[in-house]
């Protein structure tokens, strides 16, 4: 776990991240007594840009604190006061955060859900792939004319389903045995990958 202190060296690192095809910067900012993104999905190597207004801060807290609307800090977690700060995602887990000034009054909080993928897994020649319906109860379908290896991965980075597609129109994968929640559908072909988030209800 590491946070980025804003100095000349870290500004150089941020510049490299911003110009890297693999890295994505996700903005989370304060608007009145809320965060404009209370749930964000990111990948390993992405960075969060916290844009914190005067009278606010952002602190990483434990899951128990998040559920109880308290401000118990996550050990080794991030903390930033007002201003712009960057945090690099380097661990697969769910990050819980809050504004310590407004947690008790307005429950000003959010989560960042980090997967074990790299952003460079998106390839333009696979951009037309999509899954439907999303959310789904039983099957996910996708239009497909290639024989992909197909995997479903949970938010902890665990592979929970592996299959081979048939290359037919409207291929389908049975997800009825998966627990409700967010998952990643990962298509693999010739060393290239594309991941699509979906919800199992």
N, C-alpha and C. Protein backbone atom coordinates (compact mmCIF):
# COMPACT_ATOMS: atom_id res chain seq x y z
N UNK A 1 0.84 -1.17 0.00
CA UNK A 1 0.00 0.00 0.00
C UNK A 1 0.89 1.23 0.00
N UNK A 2 0.60 2.21 -0.89
CA UNK A 2 1.40 3.43 -0.89
C UNK A 2 0.53 4.60 -1.31
N UNK A 3 0.82 5.75 -0.77
CA UNK A 3 0.15 6.97 -1.21
C UNK A 3 1.20 7.86 -1.84
N UNK A 4 0.73 8.81 -2.65
CA UNK A 4 1.66 9.68 -3.36
C UNK A 4 1.65 11.05 -2.72
N UNK A 5 2.78 11.47 -2.18
CA UNK A 5 2.92 12.81 -1.63
C UNK A 5 3.24 13.75 -2.77
N UNK A 6 2.53 14.86 -2.84
CA UNK A 6 2.72 15.76 -3.97
C UNK A 6 4.00 16.56 -3.79
N UNK A 7 5.03 16.22 -4.55
CA UNK A 7 6.27 16.96 -4.62
C UNK A 7 6.75 16.85 -6.06
N UNK A 8 7.92 17.35 -6.36
CA UNK A 8 8.38 17.37 -7.75
C UNK A 8 8.54 15.97 -8.31
N UNK A 9 9.00 15.03 -7.46
CA UNK A 9 9.17 13.66 -7.94
C UNK A 9 7.82 13.01 -8.23
N UNK A 10 6.85 13.20 -7.30
CA UNK A 10 5.55 12.58 -7.51
C UNK A 10 4.82 13.22 -8.68
N UNK A 11 5.05 14.52 -8.93
CA UNK A 11 4.44 15.15 -10.10
C UNK A 11 4.96 14.53 -11.38
N UNK A 12 6.25 14.14 -11.38
CA UNK A 12 6.81 13.44 -12.52
C UNK A 12 6.14 12.09 -12.69
N UNK A 13 5.94 11.37 -11.57
CA UNK A 13 5.27 10.07 -11.64
C UNK A 13 3.84 10.23 -12.16
N UNK A 14 3.14 11.24 -11.65
CA UNK A 14 1.77 11.48 -12.11
C UNK A 14 1.74 11.77 -13.59
N UNK A 15 2.71 12.55 -14.07
CA UNK A 15 2.80 12.85 -15.50
C UNK A 15 2.99 11.58 -16.31
N UNK A 16 3.84 10.67 -15.80
CA UNK A 16 4.04 9.40 -16.50
C UNK A 16 2.76 8.58 -16.52
N UNK A 17 2.03 8.57 -15.39
CA UNK A 17 0.77 7.82 -15.35
C UNK A 17 -0.24 8.40 -16.33
N UNK A 18 -0.32 9.73 -16.37
CA UNK A 18 -1.30 10.37 -17.25
C UNK A 18 -1.00 10.09 -18.71
N UNK A 19 0.27 9.91 -19.06
CA UNK A 19 0.65 9.69 -20.45
C UNK A 19 0.80 8.21 -20.78
N UNK A 20 0.50 7.34 -19.82
CA UNK A 20 0.61 5.90 -20.05
C UNK A 20 -0.71 5.37 -20.57
N UNK A 21 -0.65 4.50 -21.58
CA UNK A 21 -1.88 3.92 -22.12
C UNK A 21 -2.53 3.00 -21.11
N UNK A 22 -1.73 2.47 -20.18
CA UNK A 22 -2.28 1.50 -19.24
C UNK A 22 -2.95 2.16 -18.05
N UNK A 23 -2.55 3.36 -17.69
CA UNK A 23 -3.04 3.99 -16.48
C UNK A 23 -4.26 4.86 -16.77
N UNK A 24 -5.19 4.84 -15.84
CA UNK A 24 -6.39 5.67 -15.92
C UNK A 24 -6.46 6.50 -14.65
N UNK A 25 -6.85 7.76 -14.78
CA UNK A 25 -7.05 8.62 -13.62
C UNK A 25 -8.56 8.79 -13.41
N UNK A 26 -9.02 8.45 -12.21
CA UNK A 26 -10.43 8.58 -11.86
C UNK A 26 -10.57 9.74 -10.89
N UNK A 27 -11.41 10.71 -11.21
CA UNK A 27 -11.62 11.87 -10.35
C UNK A 27 -12.72 11.58 -9.33
N UNK A 28 -12.46 11.95 -8.09
CA UNK A 28 -13.47 11.94 -7.03
C UNK A 28 -13.41 13.30 -6.37
N UNK A 29 -14.49 14.06 -6.44
CA UNK A 29 -14.46 15.40 -5.88
C UNK A 29 -15.64 15.65 -4.95
N UNK A 30 -15.49 16.67 -4.11
CA UNK A 30 -16.56 17.05 -3.20
C UNK A 30 -17.48 18.04 -3.89
N UNK A 31 -18.77 17.82 -3.70
CA UNK A 31 -19.80 18.73 -4.19
C UNK A 31 -20.78 18.94 -3.05
N UNK A 32 -20.81 20.15 -2.51
CA UNK A 32 -21.59 20.43 -1.30
C UNK A 32 -21.16 19.45 -0.21
N UNK A 33 -22.08 18.67 0.36
CA UNK A 33 -21.72 17.69 1.38
C UNK A 33 -21.84 16.28 0.84
N UNK A 34 -21.30 16.08 -0.37
CA UNK A 34 -21.29 14.76 -1.00
C UNK A 34 -20.00 14.59 -1.78
N UNK A 35 -19.66 13.33 -2.06
CA UNK A 35 -18.65 13.02 -3.07
C UNK A 35 -19.40 12.78 -4.37
N UNK A 36 -18.89 13.31 -5.48
CA UNK A 36 -19.62 13.17 -6.74
C UNK A 36 -19.62 11.73 -7.25
N UNK A 37 -18.73 10.89 -6.74
CA UNK A 37 -18.71 9.47 -7.10
C UNK A 37 -18.65 8.67 -5.81
N UNK A 38 -19.79 8.09 -5.40
CA UNK A 38 -19.75 7.32 -4.15
C UNK A 38 -19.35 5.87 -4.39
N UNK A 39 -19.31 5.43 -5.68
CA UNK A 39 -18.79 4.12 -6.03
C UNK A 39 -17.97 4.25 -7.30
N UNK A 40 -16.71 3.85 -7.24
CA UNK A 40 -15.82 3.92 -8.40
C UNK A 40 -15.21 2.55 -8.64
N UNK A 41 -15.08 2.17 -9.93
CA UNK A 41 -14.45 0.92 -10.31
C UNK A 41 -13.12 1.23 -10.97
N UNK A 42 -12.05 0.61 -10.47
CA UNK A 42 -10.71 0.88 -10.98
C UNK A 42 -9.95 -0.42 -11.13
N UNK A 43 -8.78 -0.33 -11.74
CA UNK A 43 -7.89 -1.46 -11.94
C UNK A 43 -6.55 -1.19 -11.28
N UNK A 44 -5.78 -2.24 -11.07
CA UNK A 44 -4.42 -2.08 -10.56
C UNK A 44 -3.65 -1.14 -11.49
N UNK A 45 -2.92 -0.20 -10.92
CA UNK A 45 -2.15 0.76 -11.70
C UNK A 45 -2.88 2.05 -11.98
N UNK A 46 -4.22 2.06 -11.83
CA UNK A 46 -4.96 3.31 -11.99
C UNK A 46 -4.68 4.21 -10.80
N UNK A 47 -4.97 5.49 -10.94
CA UNK A 47 -4.82 6.40 -9.82
C UNK A 47 -6.10 7.18 -9.61
N UNK A 48 -6.33 7.54 -8.37
CA UNK A 48 -7.48 8.35 -7.98
C UNK A 48 -6.99 9.78 -7.78
N UNK A 49 -7.66 10.72 -8.40
CA UNK A 49 -7.39 12.13 -8.13
C UNK A 49 -8.51 12.64 -7.23
N UNK A 50 -8.18 12.89 -5.97
CA UNK A 50 -9.14 13.45 -5.04
C UNK A 50 -9.11 14.97 -5.18
N UNK A 51 -10.26 15.55 -5.45
CA UNK A 51 -10.42 17.00 -5.57
C UNK A 51 -11.29 17.43 -4.39
N UNK A 52 -10.63 17.86 -3.33
CA UNK A 52 -11.31 18.07 -2.05
C UNK A 52 -11.47 19.56 -1.77
N UNK A 53 -12.70 19.99 -1.58
CA UNK A 53 -13.00 21.40 -1.32
C UNK A 53 -12.68 21.81 0.10
N UNK A 54 -12.65 23.11 0.33
CA UNK A 54 -12.40 23.66 1.66
C UNK A 54 -13.52 23.22 2.60
N UNK A 55 -13.13 22.83 3.81
CA UNK A 55 -14.11 22.36 4.79
C UNK A 55 -14.35 20.87 4.71
N UNK A 56 -13.58 20.18 3.86
CA UNK A 56 -13.71 18.74 3.72
C UNK A 56 -12.33 18.09 3.81
N UNK A 57 -12.32 16.78 3.95
CA UNK A 57 -11.13 15.96 3.81
C UNK A 57 -11.58 14.61 3.27
N UNK A 58 -10.65 13.71 3.05
CA UNK A 58 -11.01 12.35 2.64
C UNK A 58 -10.07 11.41 3.36
N UNK A 59 -10.65 10.42 4.05
CA UNK A 59 -9.86 9.47 4.83
C UNK A 59 -10.33 8.06 4.52
N UNK A 60 -9.35 7.16 4.34
CA UNK A 60 -9.71 5.76 4.17
C UNK A 60 -10.07 5.18 5.53
N UNK A 61 -11.20 4.47 5.58
CA UNK A 61 -11.70 3.93 6.83
C UNK A 61 -11.95 2.42 6.68
N UNK A 62 -12.17 1.76 7.79
CA UNK A 62 -12.45 0.33 7.76
C UNK A 62 -13.86 0.08 7.22
N UNK A 63 -14.12 -1.15 6.79
CA UNK A 63 -15.45 -1.50 6.32
C UNK A 63 -16.47 -1.39 7.45
N UNK A 64 -16.06 -1.79 8.66
CA UNK A 64 -16.96 -1.69 9.81
C UNK A 64 -17.32 -0.23 10.10
N UNK A 65 -16.33 0.66 9.99
CA UNK A 65 -16.59 2.09 10.19
C UNK A 65 -17.53 2.61 9.12
N UNK A 66 -17.33 2.18 7.88
CA UNK A 66 -18.20 2.59 6.77
C UNK A 66 -19.64 2.18 7.06
N UNK A 67 -19.84 0.93 7.50
CA UNK A 67 -21.18 0.43 7.78
C UNK A 67 -21.83 1.15 8.96
N UNK A 68 -21.00 1.53 9.95
CA UNK A 68 -21.52 2.17 11.17
C UNK A 68 -21.52 3.69 11.10
N UNK A 69 -21.08 4.25 9.97
CA UNK A 69 -20.99 5.71 9.80
C UNK A 69 -20.10 6.35 10.85
N UNK A 70 -18.93 5.71 11.07
CA UNK A 70 -17.92 6.28 11.95
C UNK A 70 -16.64 6.49 11.13
N UNK A 71 -15.59 6.95 11.77
CA UNK A 71 -14.39 7.36 11.02
C UNK A 71 -13.13 6.61 11.45
N UNK A 72 -13.27 5.37 11.90
CA UNK A 72 -12.10 4.59 12.29
C UNK A 72 -11.20 4.39 11.07
N UNK A 73 -9.94 4.81 11.16
CA UNK A 73 -9.07 4.74 9.97
C UNK A 73 -8.68 3.32 9.61
N UNK A 74 -8.49 3.09 8.32
CA UNK A 74 -7.93 1.83 7.83
C UNK A 74 -6.42 1.90 8.03
N UNK A 75 -5.84 0.89 8.65
CA UNK A 75 -4.40 0.91 8.97
C UNK A 75 -3.57 1.08 7.70
N UNK A 76 -2.76 2.12 7.68
CA UNK A 76 -1.92 2.40 6.52
C UNK A 76 -2.66 3.04 5.36
N UNK A 77 -3.92 3.41 5.58
CA UNK A 77 -4.74 3.98 4.52
C UNK A 77 -4.41 5.42 4.21
N UNK A 78 -5.08 5.97 3.21
CA UNK A 78 -4.80 7.34 2.77
C UNK A 78 -5.57 8.36 3.61
N UNK A 79 -5.06 9.57 3.64
CA UNK A 79 -5.75 10.71 4.23
C UNK A 79 -5.28 11.96 3.51
N UNK A 80 -6.24 12.77 3.03
CA UNK A 80 -5.90 14.02 2.36
C UNK A 80 -6.84 15.12 2.85
N UNK A 81 -6.26 16.30 3.07
CA UNK A 81 -7.07 17.47 3.41
C UNK A 81 -7.45 18.18 2.11
N UNK A 82 -7.99 19.38 2.23
CA UNK A 82 -8.47 20.11 1.06
C UNK A 82 -7.35 20.31 0.04
N UNK A 83 -7.72 20.24 -1.23
CA UNK A 83 -6.76 20.39 -2.32
C UNK A 83 -6.85 19.20 -3.26
N UNK A 84 -5.90 19.10 -4.18
CA UNK A 84 -5.84 18.00 -5.14
C UNK A 84 -4.74 17.03 -4.74
N UNK A 85 -5.08 15.75 -4.66
CA UNK A 85 -4.12 14.73 -4.26
C UNK A 85 -4.34 13.48 -5.11
N UNK A 86 -3.26 12.73 -5.32
CA UNK A 86 -3.33 11.50 -6.11
C UNK A 86 -3.02 10.30 -5.22
N UNK A 87 -3.75 9.22 -5.49
CA UNK A 87 -3.50 7.95 -4.80
C UNK A 87 -3.46 6.85 -5.85
N UNK A 88 -2.42 6.02 -5.82
CA UNK A 88 -2.25 4.96 -6.80
C UNK A 88 -2.84 3.66 -6.27
N UNK A 89 -3.67 3.01 -7.07
CA UNK A 89 -4.29 1.74 -6.68
C UNK A 89 -3.27 0.62 -6.91
N UNK A 90 -2.85 -0.03 -5.82
CA UNK A 90 -1.85 -1.08 -5.96
C UNK A 90 -2.24 -2.35 -5.21
N UNK A 91 -3.53 -2.46 -4.85
CA UNK A 91 -3.99 -3.65 -4.12
C UNK A 91 -5.42 -3.96 -4.55
N UNK A 92 -5.71 -5.25 -4.75
CA UNK A 92 -7.05 -5.68 -5.13
C UNK A 92 -7.90 -5.79 -3.87
N UNK A 93 -8.81 -4.86 -3.70
CA UNK A 93 -9.73 -4.88 -2.57
C UNK A 93 -10.72 -3.73 -2.74
N UNK A 94 -11.61 -3.59 -1.77
CA UNK A 94 -12.53 -2.46 -1.75
C UNK A 94 -12.01 -1.43 -0.75
N UNK A 95 -11.84 -0.21 -1.22
CA UNK A 95 -11.37 0.90 -0.40
C UNK A 95 -12.61 1.68 0.08
N UNK A 96 -12.75 1.87 1.38
CA UNK A 96 -13.85 2.65 1.94
C UNK A 96 -13.30 4.00 2.38
N UNK A 97 -14.03 5.07 2.10
CA UNK A 97 -13.53 6.39 2.49
C UNK A 97 -14.69 7.29 2.93
N UNK A 98 -14.32 8.36 3.62
CA UNK A 98 -15.34 9.31 4.09
C UNK A 98 -14.71 10.69 4.27
N UNK A 99 -15.57 11.66 4.46
CA UNK A 99 -15.16 12.99 4.95
C UNK A 99 -15.36 12.97 6.45
N UNK A 100 -14.30 13.16 7.20
CA UNK A 100 -14.42 13.04 8.66
C UNK A 100 -15.28 14.15 9.26
N UNK A 101 -15.42 15.27 8.57
CA UNK A 101 -16.22 16.38 9.08
C UNK A 101 -17.72 16.14 8.90
N UNK A 102 -18.10 15.30 7.95
CA UNK A 102 -19.52 15.13 7.63
C UNK A 102 -19.99 13.68 7.67
N UNK A 103 -19.21 12.80 8.26
CA UNK A 103 -19.63 11.41 8.33
C UNK A 103 -20.83 11.24 9.26
N UNK A 104 -20.80 11.90 10.41
CA UNK A 104 -21.88 11.71 11.37
C UNK A 104 -23.16 12.46 10.97
N UNK A 105 -23.00 13.59 10.29
CA UNK A 105 -24.19 14.40 9.96
C UNK A 105 -24.82 14.00 8.63
N UNK A 106 -24.00 13.78 7.60
CA UNK A 106 -24.57 13.49 6.28
C UNK A 106 -24.11 12.17 5.70
N UNK A 107 -23.31 11.41 6.47
CA UNK A 107 -22.77 10.14 5.99
C UNK A 107 -22.10 10.32 4.63
N UNK A 108 -21.21 11.30 4.56
CA UNK A 108 -20.48 11.62 3.33
C UNK A 108 -19.37 10.58 3.16
N UNK A 109 -19.64 9.58 2.30
CA UNK A 109 -18.71 8.45 2.20
C UNK A 109 -18.80 7.83 0.81
N UNK A 110 -17.89 6.87 0.54
CA UNK A 110 -17.89 6.20 -0.74
C UNK A 110 -16.99 4.99 -0.73
N UNK A 111 -16.98 4.25 -1.85
CA UNK A 111 -16.12 3.09 -1.99
C UNK A 111 -15.42 3.12 -3.34
N UNK A 112 -14.23 2.55 -3.37
CA UNK A 112 -13.46 2.34 -4.59
C UNK A 112 -13.23 0.84 -4.70
N UNK A 113 -13.73 0.23 -5.76
CA UNK A 113 -13.61 -1.21 -5.94
C UNK A 113 -12.52 -1.48 -6.96
N UNK A 114 -11.44 -2.12 -6.50
CA UNK A 114 -10.26 -2.33 -7.34
C UNK A 114 -10.17 -3.79 -7.78
N UNK A 115 -9.99 -4.00 -9.08
CA UNK A 115 -9.81 -5.35 -9.62
C UNK A 115 -8.33 -5.58 -9.92
N UNK A 116 -8.00 -6.81 -10.25
CA UNK A 116 -6.62 -7.16 -10.53
C UNK A 116 -6.24 -7.02 -11.98
N UNK A 117 -7.06 -6.35 -12.78
CA UNK A 117 -6.76 -6.19 -14.19
C UNK A 117 -5.90 -4.97 -14.42
N UNK A 118 -5.29 -4.91 -15.59
CA UNK A 118 -4.59 -3.70 -16.01
C UNK A 118 -5.43 -3.03 -17.08
N UNK A 119 -5.43 -1.69 -17.09
CA UNK A 119 -6.26 -0.97 -18.04
C UNK A 119 -5.91 -1.27 -19.48
N UNK A 120 -4.68 -1.70 -19.74
CA UNK A 120 -4.25 -1.98 -21.10
C UNK A 120 -4.92 -3.22 -21.68
N UNK A 121 -5.77 -3.89 -20.88
CA UNK A 121 -6.49 -5.06 -21.39
C UNK A 121 -7.57 -4.69 -22.39
N UNK A 122 -7.86 -3.41 -22.56
CA UNK A 122 -8.86 -2.99 -23.54
C UNK A 122 -8.19 -2.82 -24.90
N UNK A 123 -8.74 -3.45 -25.94
CA UNK A 123 -8.19 -3.38 -27.28
C UNK A 123 -9.26 -2.89 -28.24
N UNK A 124 -8.91 -1.97 -29.13
CA UNK A 124 -9.90 -1.34 -29.99
C UNK A 124 -10.57 -2.34 -30.92
N UNK A 125 -9.85 -3.39 -31.36
CA UNK A 125 -10.45 -4.34 -32.29
C UNK A 125 -11.43 -5.28 -31.60
N UNK A 126 -11.59 -5.15 -30.29
CA UNK A 126 -12.59 -5.93 -29.56
C UNK A 126 -13.64 -5.00 -28.96
N UNK A 127 -13.66 -3.77 -29.41
CA UNK A 127 -14.51 -2.76 -28.77
C UNK A 127 -16.00 -3.00 -28.99
N UNK A 128 -16.36 -3.79 -29.99
CA UNK A 128 -17.78 -4.02 -30.25
C UNK A 128 -18.38 -5.10 -29.35
N UNK A 129 -17.54 -5.84 -28.63
CA UNK A 129 -18.05 -6.87 -27.73
C UNK A 129 -18.86 -6.24 -26.60
N UNK A 130 -20.01 -6.82 -26.30
CA UNK A 130 -20.81 -6.37 -25.17
C UNK A 130 -21.57 -7.57 -24.62
N UNK A 131 -21.98 -7.47 -23.36
CA UNK A 131 -22.78 -8.54 -22.76
C UNK A 131 -24.16 -8.01 -22.44
N UNK A 132 -25.16 -8.87 -22.53
CA UNK A 132 -26.54 -8.48 -22.26
C UNK A 132 -27.33 -9.71 -21.82
N UNK A 133 -28.39 -9.58 -21.04
CA UNK A 133 -28.79 -8.33 -20.37
C UNK A 133 -27.83 -8.01 -19.22
N UNK A 134 -27.81 -6.82 -18.80
CA UNK A 134 -26.94 -6.39 -17.72
C UNK A 134 -27.67 -5.33 -16.90
N UNK A 135 -28.19 -5.71 -15.73
CA UNK A 135 -27.99 -6.90 -14.91
C UNK A 135 -28.67 -8.14 -15.50
N UNK A 136 -28.28 -9.32 -14.95
CA UNK A 136 -28.86 -10.58 -15.39
C UNK A 136 -29.15 -11.48 -14.20
N UNK A 137 -30.13 -12.39 -14.39
CA UNK A 137 -30.45 -13.38 -13.36
C UNK A 137 -29.81 -14.74 -13.65
N UNK A 138 -29.74 -15.10 -14.95
CA UNK A 138 -29.36 -16.47 -15.27
C UNK A 138 -28.28 -16.61 -16.33
N UNK A 139 -28.43 -15.94 -17.48
CA UNK A 139 -27.46 -16.05 -18.56
C UNK A 139 -26.96 -14.67 -18.97
N UNK A 140 -25.72 -14.61 -19.43
CA UNK A 140 -25.27 -13.43 -20.15
C UNK A 140 -25.02 -13.84 -21.60
N UNK A 141 -25.46 -13.01 -22.51
CA UNK A 141 -25.33 -13.26 -23.95
C UNK A 141 -24.36 -12.25 -24.54
N UNK A 142 -23.75 -12.61 -25.65
CA UNK A 142 -22.91 -11.66 -26.36
C UNK A 142 -22.82 -12.07 -27.82
N UNK A 143 -22.81 -11.06 -28.70
CA UNK A 143 -22.64 -11.30 -30.12
C UNK A 143 -21.17 -11.61 -30.36
N UNK A 144 -20.90 -12.70 -31.08
CA UNK A 144 -19.53 -13.18 -31.14
C UNK A 144 -19.30 -13.97 -32.43
N UNK A 145 -18.22 -13.67 -33.12
CA UNK A 145 -17.87 -14.46 -34.30
C UNK A 145 -16.47 -15.05 -34.19
N UNK A 146 -15.97 -15.13 -32.96
CA UNK A 146 -14.65 -15.71 -32.71
C UNK A 146 -14.77 -16.75 -31.59
N UNK A 147 -13.80 -17.64 -31.51
CA UNK A 147 -13.74 -18.61 -30.42
C UNK A 147 -12.89 -18.07 -29.28
N UNK A 148 -13.51 -17.31 -28.41
CA UNK A 148 -12.82 -16.71 -27.28
C UNK A 148 -12.71 -17.69 -26.12
N UNK A 149 -11.67 -17.52 -25.32
CA UNK A 149 -11.70 -18.06 -23.96
C UNK A 149 -12.42 -17.02 -23.13
N UNK A 150 -13.33 -17.49 -22.30
CA UNK A 150 -14.19 -16.59 -21.54
C UNK A 150 -14.05 -16.91 -20.07
N UNK A 151 -13.84 -15.87 -19.24
CA UNK A 151 -13.73 -16.07 -17.79
C UNK A 151 -14.61 -15.06 -17.08
N UNK A 152 -15.15 -15.47 -15.94
CA UNK A 152 -15.85 -14.55 -15.04
C UNK A 152 -15.01 -14.43 -13.79
N UNK A 153 -14.75 -13.20 -13.37
CA UNK A 153 -13.87 -12.91 -12.24
C UNK A 153 -14.62 -12.04 -11.24
N UNK A 154 -14.52 -12.37 -9.96
CA UNK A 154 -15.21 -11.58 -8.95
C UNK A 154 -14.39 -10.35 -8.56
N UNK A 155 -14.94 -9.54 -7.65
CA UNK A 155 -14.29 -8.28 -7.31
C UNK A 155 -13.01 -8.46 -6.51
N UNK A 156 -12.77 -9.67 -6.02
CA UNK A 156 -11.51 -9.95 -5.33
C UNK A 156 -10.44 -10.50 -6.26
N UNK A 157 -10.77 -10.57 -7.56
CA UNK A 157 -9.81 -11.06 -8.54
C UNK A 157 -9.80 -12.58 -8.69
N UNK A 158 -10.78 -13.27 -8.08
CA UNK A 158 -10.86 -14.72 -8.18
C UNK A 158 -11.59 -15.14 -9.45
N UNK A 159 -11.04 -16.11 -10.18
CA UNK A 159 -11.72 -16.66 -11.36
C UNK A 159 -12.79 -17.62 -10.87
N UNK A 160 -14.05 -17.33 -11.17
CA UNK A 160 -15.15 -18.15 -10.67
C UNK A 160 -15.82 -18.97 -11.77
N UNK A 161 -15.47 -18.73 -13.03
CA UNK A 161 -16.06 -19.47 -14.14
C UNK A 161 -15.14 -19.35 -15.34
N UNK A 162 -14.91 -20.45 -16.05
CA UNK A 162 -14.11 -20.45 -17.28
C UNK A 162 -14.87 -21.24 -18.33
N UNK A 163 -14.89 -20.72 -19.56
CA UNK A 163 -15.59 -21.41 -20.64
C UNK A 163 -14.94 -21.05 -21.97
N UNK A 164 -15.28 -21.81 -22.99
CA UNK A 164 -14.89 -21.48 -24.36
C UNK A 164 -16.14 -21.10 -25.13
N UNK A 165 -16.09 -20.01 -25.88
CA UNK A 165 -17.24 -19.62 -26.68
C UNK A 165 -17.24 -20.41 -27.98
N UNK A 166 -18.41 -20.49 -28.62
CA UNK A 166 -18.54 -21.31 -29.82
C UNK A 166 -18.37 -20.52 -31.11
N UNK A 167 -18.32 -19.21 -31.00
CA UNK A 167 -18.19 -18.40 -32.20
C UNK A 167 -19.50 -18.21 -32.94
N UNK A 168 -20.60 -18.50 -32.28
CA UNK A 168 -21.90 -18.34 -32.90
C UNK A 168 -22.56 -17.04 -32.52
N UNK A 169 -23.64 -16.70 -33.21
CA UNK A 169 -24.38 -15.47 -32.91
C UNK A 169 -25.06 -15.61 -31.56
N UNK A 170 -24.95 -14.59 -30.74
CA UNK A 170 -25.59 -14.56 -29.42
C UNK A 170 -25.21 -15.76 -28.57
N UNK A 171 -23.91 -15.98 -28.42
CA UNK A 171 -23.42 -16.98 -27.47
C UNK A 171 -23.96 -16.66 -26.08
N UNK A 172 -24.07 -17.67 -25.23
CA UNK A 172 -24.54 -17.40 -23.88
C UNK A 172 -23.72 -18.21 -22.88
N UNK A 173 -23.62 -17.67 -21.66
CA UNK A 173 -22.92 -18.30 -20.55
C UNK A 173 -23.88 -18.36 -19.37
N UNK A 174 -23.97 -19.53 -18.74
CA UNK A 174 -24.85 -19.72 -17.59
C UNK A 174 -24.16 -19.20 -16.33
N UNK A 175 -24.77 -18.21 -15.69
CA UNK A 175 -24.22 -17.64 -14.46
C UNK A 175 -25.18 -17.81 -13.28
N UNK A 176 -26.11 -18.75 -13.40
CA UNK A 176 -27.13 -18.91 -12.36
C UNK A 176 -26.54 -19.29 -11.00
N UNK A 177 -25.39 -19.96 -10.98
CA UNK A 177 -24.81 -20.40 -9.71
C UNK A 177 -23.98 -19.33 -9.01
N UNK A 178 -23.75 -18.19 -9.68
CA UNK A 178 -22.98 -17.12 -9.06
C UNK A 178 -23.81 -16.39 -8.02
N UNK A 179 -23.16 -15.95 -6.96
CA UNK A 179 -23.84 -15.14 -5.95
C UNK A 179 -24.16 -13.76 -6.54
N UNK A 180 -25.21 -13.11 -6.08
CA UNK A 180 -25.52 -11.75 -6.56
C UNK A 180 -24.37 -10.79 -6.29
N UNK A 181 -24.13 -9.90 -7.23
CA UNK A 181 -23.08 -8.90 -7.06
C UNK A 181 -22.44 -8.51 -8.38
N UNK A 182 -21.37 -7.72 -8.30
CA UNK A 182 -20.62 -7.26 -9.47
C UNK A 182 -19.60 -8.31 -9.87
N UNK A 183 -19.43 -8.49 -11.21
CA UNK A 183 -18.42 -9.39 -11.75
C UNK A 183 -17.79 -8.76 -12.99
N UNK A 184 -16.68 -9.36 -13.43
CA UNK A 184 -16.04 -8.96 -14.67
C UNK A 184 -16.11 -10.12 -15.66
N UNK A 185 -16.63 -9.86 -16.85
CA UNK A 185 -16.57 -10.84 -17.94
C UNK A 185 -15.31 -10.54 -18.73
N UNK A 186 -14.43 -11.52 -18.86
CA UNK A 186 -13.15 -11.32 -19.53
C UNK A 186 -13.09 -12.20 -20.78
N UNK A 187 -12.87 -11.57 -21.93
CA UNK A 187 -12.73 -12.27 -23.20
C UNK A 187 -11.25 -12.28 -23.58
N UNK A 188 -10.73 -13.43 -23.99
CA UNK A 188 -9.32 -13.57 -24.31
C UNK A 188 -9.20 -14.17 -25.70
N UNK A 189 -8.42 -13.53 -26.58
CA UNK A 189 -8.22 -14.04 -27.93
C UNK A 189 -6.85 -13.61 -28.41
N UNK A 190 -5.99 -14.57 -28.73
CA UNK A 190 -4.68 -14.25 -29.30
C UNK A 190 -3.84 -13.34 -28.44
N UNK A 191 -3.89 -13.52 -27.13
CA UNK A 191 -3.10 -12.68 -26.23
C UNK A 191 -3.74 -11.35 -25.92
N UNK A 192 -4.88 -11.05 -26.52
CA UNK A 192 -5.59 -9.80 -26.26
C UNK A 192 -6.78 -10.08 -25.35
N UNK A 193 -7.11 -9.10 -24.53
CA UNK A 193 -8.18 -9.28 -23.56
C UNK A 193 -9.10 -8.06 -23.54
N UNK A 194 -10.34 -8.33 -23.21
CA UNK A 194 -11.28 -7.25 -22.94
C UNK A 194 -12.12 -7.64 -21.74
N UNK A 195 -12.31 -6.72 -20.81
CA UNK A 195 -13.13 -6.99 -19.64
C UNK A 195 -14.34 -6.09 -19.63
N UNK A 196 -15.48 -6.65 -19.25
CA UNK A 196 -16.74 -5.91 -19.19
C UNK A 196 -17.38 -6.19 -17.84
N UNK A 197 -17.75 -5.16 -17.11
CA UNK A 197 -18.41 -5.34 -15.82
C UNK A 197 -19.87 -5.71 -16.03
N UNK A 198 -20.38 -6.59 -15.17
CA UNK A 198 -21.80 -6.88 -15.22
C UNK A 198 -22.29 -7.22 -13.81
N UNK A 199 -23.60 -7.18 -13.64
CA UNK A 199 -24.21 -7.44 -12.34
C UNK A 199 -25.02 -8.72 -12.43
N UNK A 200 -24.76 -9.64 -11.48
CA UNK A 200 -25.60 -10.84 -11.33
C UNK A 200 -26.60 -10.54 -10.21
N UNK A 201 -27.89 -10.62 -10.54
CA UNK A 201 -28.92 -10.33 -9.56
C UNK A 201 -29.35 -11.58 -8.81
